[in-house]
């Protein structure tokens, strides 16, 4: 039994384990940084989807306004020409004609948020980044 030989063997194994732990730590840090970048990109994507949603809602309102104005124009200025087609016709009310309305949006958001709590947290982060004027990279999670 040679204590030095045993000690060298244990020390060699300990050095090997230390090297592997360092490699794992570096890999974990790289993964954490990549996850932060992905989350930042997802927050930007979510913000763009919300902006698109608002734009489409505005487009819908303008489309409805155009349809109503067009109907009113024909009804008042070209009544003789198209009068027979308009007899008894009434334009649809906005709540029946519009594809999007705030009530439906709220209902959808409530259902979506209930089913996707992680996504809701991400949306809130995107909104916070947007209101901060930031949009920079997300900081890695504390741990």
Protein backbone atom coordinates (compact mmCIF):
# COMPACT_ATOMS: atom_id res chain seq x y z
CA UNK A 1 0.00 0.00 0.00
CA UNK A 2 1.56 3.22 -1.23
CA UNK A 3 -0.25 6.34 0.07
CA UNK A 4 1.37 8.65 -2.49
CA UNK A 5 0.20 6.47 -5.36
CA UNK A 6 -3.37 6.43 -3.96
CA UNK A 7 -3.26 10.17 -3.38
CA UNK A 8 -2.09 10.79 -6.96
CA UNK A 9 -4.87 8.57 -8.33
CA UNK A 10 -7.54 10.39 -6.28
CA UNK A 11 -6.07 13.77 -7.22
CA UNK A 12 -6.14 12.80 -10.90
CA UNK A 13 -9.80 11.82 -10.67
CA UNK A 14 -10.61 15.03 -8.75
CA UNK A 15 -8.88 17.11 -11.45
CA UNK A 16 -10.82 15.24 -14.13
CA UNK A 17 -14.12 15.88 -12.31
CA UNK A 18 -13.21 19.56 -11.79
CA UNK A 19 -12.54 19.93 -15.54
CA UNK A 20 -15.88 18.34 -16.40
CA UNK A 21 -17.71 20.57 -13.91
CA UNK A 22 -16.10 23.66 -15.48
CA UNK A 23 -17.13 22.46 -18.94
CA UNK A 24 -20.69 21.92 -17.70
CA UNK A 25 -20.76 25.40 -16.09
CA UNK A 26 -19.56 26.99 -19.34
CA UNK A 27 -22.19 25.06 -21.30
CA UNK A 28 -24.90 26.09 -18.83
CA UNK A 29 -23.84 29.76 -19.07
CA UNK A 30 -23.87 29.60 -22.88
CA UNK A 31 -27.33 27.99 -22.82
CA UNK A 32 -28.57 30.62 -20.35
CA UNK A 33 -27.30 33.42 -22.60
CA UNK A 34 -28.90 31.82 -25.67
CA UNK A 35 -32.18 31.40 -23.78
CA UNK A 36 -32.09 35.09 -22.82
CA UNK A 37 -31.59 36.03 -26.48
CA UNK A 38 -34.45 33.76 -27.56
CA UNK A 39 -36.72 35.28 -24.93
CA UNK A 40 -35.78 38.78 -26.07
CA UNK A 41 -36.59 37.88 -29.68
CA UNK A 42 -39.85 36.29 -28.59
CA UNK A 43 -40.76 39.45 -26.66
CA UNK A 44 -40.12 41.52 -29.81
CA UNK A 45 -42.21 39.06 -31.86
CA UNK A 46 -45.04 39.25 -29.32
CA UNK A 47 -44.95 43.05 -29.41
CA UNK A 48 -45.10 42.98 -33.22
CA UNK A 49 -48.08 40.59 -33.12
CA UNK A 50 -49.87 42.93 -30.70
CA UNK A 51 -49.15 45.89 -33.00
CA UNK A 52 -50.45 43.92 -35.98
CA UNK A 53 -53.59 43.07 -34.01
CA UNK A 54 -54.19 46.75 -33.26
CA UNK A 55 -53.52 47.70 -36.89
CA UNK A 56 -55.99 45.10 -38.13
CA UNK A 57 -58.61 46.33 -35.67
CA UNK A 58 -58.12 49.90 -36.93
CA UNK A 59 -58.35 48.66 -40.51
CA UNK A 60 -61.59 46.90 -39.64
CA UNK A 61 -63.04 50.10 -38.17
CA UNK A 62 -62.06 52.07 -41.29
CA UNK A 63 -63.50 49.35 -43.53
CA UNK A 64 -66.80 49.59 -41.69
CA UNK A 65 -66.76 53.39 -41.87
CA UNK A 66 -66.10 53.20 -45.62
CA UNK A 67 -68.97 50.76 -46.15
CA UNK A 68 -71.37 52.96 -44.18
CA UNK A 69 -70.25 56.13 -46.00
CA UNK A 70 -70.54 54.39 -49.36
CA UNK A 71 -74.04 53.21 -48.52
CA UNK A 72 -75.02 56.69 -47.33
CA UNK A 73 -73.63 58.25 -50.52
CA UNK A 74 -75.65 55.97 -52.77
CA UNK A 75 -78.71 56.33 -50.57
CA UNK A 76 -78.64 60.15 -50.60
CA UNK A 77 -76.99 61.15 -53.91
CA UNK A 78 -77.86 58.38 -56.31
CA UNK A 79 -81.21 57.31 -55.00
CA UNK A 80 -82.99 57.35 -58.37
CA UNK A 81 -80.39 55.18 -59.98
CA UNK A 82 -80.16 52.53 -57.28
CA UNK A 83 -83.37 53.16 -55.34
CA UNK A 84 -84.96 49.85 -56.36
CA UNK A 85 -81.98 47.94 -54.91
CA UNK A 86 -82.15 49.85 -51.64
CA UNK A 87 -85.83 49.34 -50.87
CA UNK A 88 -86.00 47.87 -47.40
CA UNK A 89 -82.23 47.48 -47.14
CA UNK A 90 -80.47 48.67 -44.00
CA UNK A 91 -76.74 48.52 -43.42
CA UNK A 92 -75.62 46.16 -40.73
CA UNK A 93 -74.93 47.59 -37.31
CA UNK A 94 -71.27 47.77 -36.43
CA UNK A 95 -71.49 45.03 -33.82
CA UNK A 96 -72.93 42.69 -36.49
CA UNK A 97 -70.64 43.80 -39.33
CA UNK A 98 -67.30 44.24 -37.63
CA UNK A 99 -64.98 41.23 -37.56
CA UNK A 100 -63.22 42.42 -34.41
CA UNK A 101 -64.55 44.09 -31.34
CA UNK A 102 -63.19 44.83 -27.90
CA UNK A 103 -65.56 42.39 -26.19
CA UNK A 104 -64.32 39.46 -28.32
CA UNK A 105 -60.70 40.55 -27.88
CA UNK A 106 -61.11 40.65 -24.10
CA UNK A 107 -62.77 37.21 -24.07
CA UNK A 108 -59.98 35.74 -26.21
CA UNK A 109 -57.26 37.30 -24.05
CA UNK A 110 -58.85 35.93 -20.86
CA UNK A 111 -59.01 32.40 -22.30
CA UNK A 112 -55.50 32.66 -23.76
CA UNK A 113 -54.02 34.00 -20.53
CA UNK A 114 -55.68 31.29 -18.44
CA UNK A 115 -54.26 28.57 -20.69
CA UNK A 116 -50.82 30.13 -21.26
CA UNK A 117 -49.51 31.65 -18.06
CA UNK A 118 -45.88 31.61 -19.29
CA UNK A 119 -46.89 33.41 -22.49
CA UNK A 120 -48.75 36.03 -20.44
CA UNK A 121 -45.61 36.70 -18.40
CA UNK A 122 -43.69 37.09 -21.67
CA UNK A 123 -46.33 39.48 -23.04
CA UNK A 124 -46.12 41.57 -19.86
CA UNK A 125 -42.32 41.67 -20.20
CA UNK A 126 -42.63 42.74 -23.85
CA UNK A 127 -45.07 45.47 -22.88
CA UNK A 128 -42.72 46.62 -20.13
CA UNK A 129 -39.76 46.66 -22.53
CA UNK A 130 -41.87 48.60 -25.03
CA UNK A 131 -42.93 51.17 -22.44
CA UNK A 132 -39.36 51.53 -21.18
CA UNK A 133 -38.28 52.35 -24.70
CA UNK A 134 -35.85 49.49 -24.32
CA UNK A 135 -36.11 46.42 -26.43
CA UNK A 136 -32.49 45.54 -25.67
CA UNK A 137 -31.36 42.05 -24.80
CA UNK A 138 -33.03 40.31 -21.95
CA UNK A 139 -30.91 39.84 -18.90
CA UNK A 140 -30.28 36.21 -17.97
CA UNK A 141 -32.50 34.82 -15.26
CA UNK A 142 -31.15 35.03 -11.74
CA UNK A 143 -30.10 31.73 -10.33
